[in-house]
Amino acid sequence: MQTATPTPDLQITGPQITALDHTLLALADPTRRAILQRLCDQGGEARVTDLALPFAMSLNAVSKHIRLLERADLVRRRKQGREHLLRFNPAPLTQAERWIAERKAMWEGRLDRLGAFLAATAEPATPESTAPESTEDQTKTGDER
């Protein structure tokens, strides 16, 4: 029995990749996306308690989601007295969009080159192989042919 060899862990380094990882992780959860949507819909700042109202979870649970959004820099917080006000920061989305667009362009280029290669190396169809069988041949069984 052959055992699979383990693949080495990818080494992710650098502040841009780390920021991208945080952004994608934050966007992976529907609750966090809903929090961002509520912030965008309100068009400015919102109190943490106001953002937490529609969610069927504790304020503490919503606060944990907000901390992940803050770590990704998608949400910025400021204190005004005892209240914590949050606002949406779109910059990390722009960075993620750029990263996705670069990967999309790379894969489209690769697939275009593959398509061109396959088209160039495909055997041309001969007239005999593309001609339909005659009616007489179609009525014969495999043994009679």
Protein backbone atom coordinates (compact mmCIF):
# COMPACT_ATOMS: atom_id res chain seq x y z
CA MET A 1 0.00 0.00 0.00
CA GLN A 2 1.37 3.37 -1.03
CA THR A 3 1.14 6.22 1.45
CA ALA A 4 0.66 9.78 0.39
CA THR A 5 3.55 12.09 1.01
CA PRO A 6 2.60 15.16 3.00
CA THR A 7 2.75 18.43 1.16
CA PRO A 8 4.76 21.18 2.78
CA ASP A 9 2.78 23.96 4.41
CA LEU A 10 2.59 27.11 2.37
CA GLN A 11 4.54 29.89 3.96
CA ILE A 12 2.37 32.99 3.99
CA THR A 13 4.35 36.05 4.85
CA GLY A 14 4.14 39.78 4.41
CA PRO A 15 1.67 42.39 5.57
CA GLN A 16 -0.36 42.43 2.32
CA ILE A 17 -1.06 38.71 2.39
CA THR A 18 -1.90 38.83 6.09
CA ALA A 19 -4.32 41.70 5.51
CA LEU A 20 -5.91 39.79 2.63
CA ASP A 21 -6.27 36.70 4.81
CA HIS A 22 -8.02 38.74 7.49
CA THR A 23 -10.34 40.30 4.92
CA LEU A 24 -11.33 36.99 3.36
CA LEU A 25 -11.80 35.40 6.78
CA ALA A 26 -14.03 38.27 7.88
CA LEU A 27 -16.13 38.02 4.71
CA ALA A 28 -16.51 34.25 5.02
CA ASP A 29 -19.19 34.51 7.70
CA PRO A 30 -22.78 35.54 6.84
CA THR A 31 -23.25 37.36 10.17
CA ARG A 32 -20.21 39.53 9.54
CA ARG A 33 -21.38 40.25 6.00
CA ALA A 34 -24.78 41.25 7.42
CA ILE A 35 -23.10 43.59 9.91
CA LEU A 36 -21.18 45.22 7.07
CA GLN A 37 -24.37 45.52 5.04
CA ARG A 38 -26.15 47.21 7.94
CA LEU A 39 -23.27 49.68 8.28
CA CYS A 40 -23.41 50.44 4.55
CA ASP A 41 -27.19 50.82 4.62
CA GLN A 42 -26.96 53.31 7.47
CA GLY A 43 -24.49 55.35 5.43
CA GLY A 44 -22.34 56.54 8.28
CA GLU A 45 -21.66 55.49 11.80
CA ALA A 46 -23.69 53.14 13.94
CA ARG A 47 -23.63 52.15 17.58
CA VAL A 48 -22.60 48.60 18.39
CA THR A 49 -25.84 48.04 20.28
CA ASP A 50 -27.90 49.21 17.28
CA LEU A 51 -26.02 46.88 14.94
CA ALA A 52 -26.60 43.96 17.29
CA LEU A 53 -30.40 44.39 17.52
CA PRO A 54 -31.58 42.22 14.60
CA PHE A 55 -29.28 39.29 15.38
CA ALA A 56 -30.52 36.36 17.44
CA MET A 57 -27.36 36.26 19.52
CA SER A 58 -25.90 37.97 22.53
CA LEU A 59 -24.22 41.36 22.38
CA ASN A 60 -21.00 39.58 23.35
CA ALA A 61 -21.27 37.27 20.30
CA VAL A 62 -21.89 40.22 17.98
CA SER A 63 -18.91 42.00 19.54
CA LYS A 64 -16.70 39.03 18.66
CA HIS A 65 -17.82 39.30 15.04
CA ILE A 66 -17.11 43.03 15.09
CA ARG A 67 -13.60 42.40 16.47
CA LEU A 68 -12.87 40.17 13.48
CA LEU A 69 -14.15 42.90 11.15
CA GLU A 70 -11.92 45.40 12.95
CA ARG A 71 -8.90 43.09 12.68
CA ALA A 72 -9.52 43.01 8.92
CA ASP A 73 -9.84 46.84 9.02
CA LEU A 74 -13.27 46.58 7.40
CA VAL A 75 -14.75 48.38 10.39
CA ARG A 76 -13.32 51.31 12.31
CA ARG A 77 -14.38 52.16 15.84
CA ARG A 78 -14.39 55.42 17.71
CA LYS A 79 -15.57 56.17 21.21
CA GLN A 80 -17.88 59.01 21.98
CA GLY A 81 -18.38 59.07 25.71
CA ARG A 82 -19.62 55.62 26.68
CA GLU A 83 -20.79 54.74 23.19
CA HIS A 84 -18.77 52.89 20.59
CA LEU A 85 -19.49 54.03 17.05
CA LEU A 86 -18.54 51.93 14.05
CA ARG A 87 -18.12 52.84 10.42
CA PHE A 88 -17.38 50.80 7.32
CA ASN A 89 -13.94 51.04 5.70
CA PRO A 90 -13.99 49.81 2.05
CA ALA A 91 -10.19 49.85 1.51
CA PRO A 92 -9.61 46.16 2.35
CA LEU A 93 -12.32 45.20 -0.15
CA THR A 94 -10.47 47.11 -2.85
CA GLN A 95 -7.30 45.16 -2.02
CA ALA A 96 -9.20 41.85 -2.12
CA GLU A 97 -10.85 42.84 -5.40
CA ARG A 98 -7.43 43.60 -6.90
CA TRP A 99 -6.06 40.23 -5.73
CA ILE A 100 -9.06 38.37 -7.18
CA ALA A 101 -8.79 40.29 -10.49
CA GLU A 102 -5.09 39.38 -10.77
CA ARG A 103 -5.85 35.67 -10.22
CA LYS A 104 -8.76 35.83 -12.67
CA ALA A 105 -6.56 37.37 -15.37
CA MET A 106 -3.86 34.77 -14.74
CA TRP A 107 -6.30 31.85 -15.06
CA GLU A 108 -8.05 33.31 -18.09
CA GLY A 109 -4.65 33.67 -19.77
CA ARG A 110 -3.72 30.09 -18.93
CA LEU A 111 -7.04 28.76 -20.20
CA ASP A 112 -6.76 30.81 -23.41
CA ARG A 113 -3.27 29.38 -24.02
CA LEU A 114 -4.54 25.87 -23.31
CA GLY A 115 -7.43 26.37 -25.75
CA ALA A 116 -5.05 27.65 -28.42
CA PHE A 117 -2.71 24.70 -27.84
CA LEU A 118 -5.55 22.20 -28.06
CA ALA A 119 -6.89 23.82 -31.22
CA ALA A 120 -3.42 23.78 -32.82
CA THR A 121 -2.72 20.16 -31.94
CA ALA A 122 -6.17 18.73 -32.72
CA GLU A 123 -6.24 16.29 -35.60
CA PRO A 124 -8.29 17.61 -38.49
CA ALA A 125 -11.40 15.60 -39.19
CA THR A 126 -11.23 13.53 -42.38
CA PRO A 127 -14.23 13.53 -44.73
CA GLU A 128 -14.67 9.77 -44.23
CA SER A 129 -14.90 10.05 -40.43
CA THR A 130 -17.43 12.88 -40.54
CA ALA A 131 -19.68 11.51 -43.30
CA PRO A 132 -22.95 10.05 -41.99
CA GLU A 133 -23.54 6.34 -42.49
CA SER A 134 -25.74 5.42 -45.41
CA THR A 135 -29.29 4.27 -44.74
CA GLU A 136 -28.33 0.76 -45.79
CA ASP A 137 -25.45 0.65 -43.25
CA GLN A 138 -27.72 1.91 -40.47
CA THR A 139 -30.21 -0.92 -40.95
CA LYS A 140 -27.57 -3.65 -40.70
CA THR A 141 -26.71 -5.13 -37.34
CA GLY A 142 -23.16 -5.11 -36.04
CA ASP A 143 -22.63 -8.75 -37.13
CA GLU A 144 -23.74 -8.11 -40.71
CA ARG A 145 -21.33 -5.22 -41.27
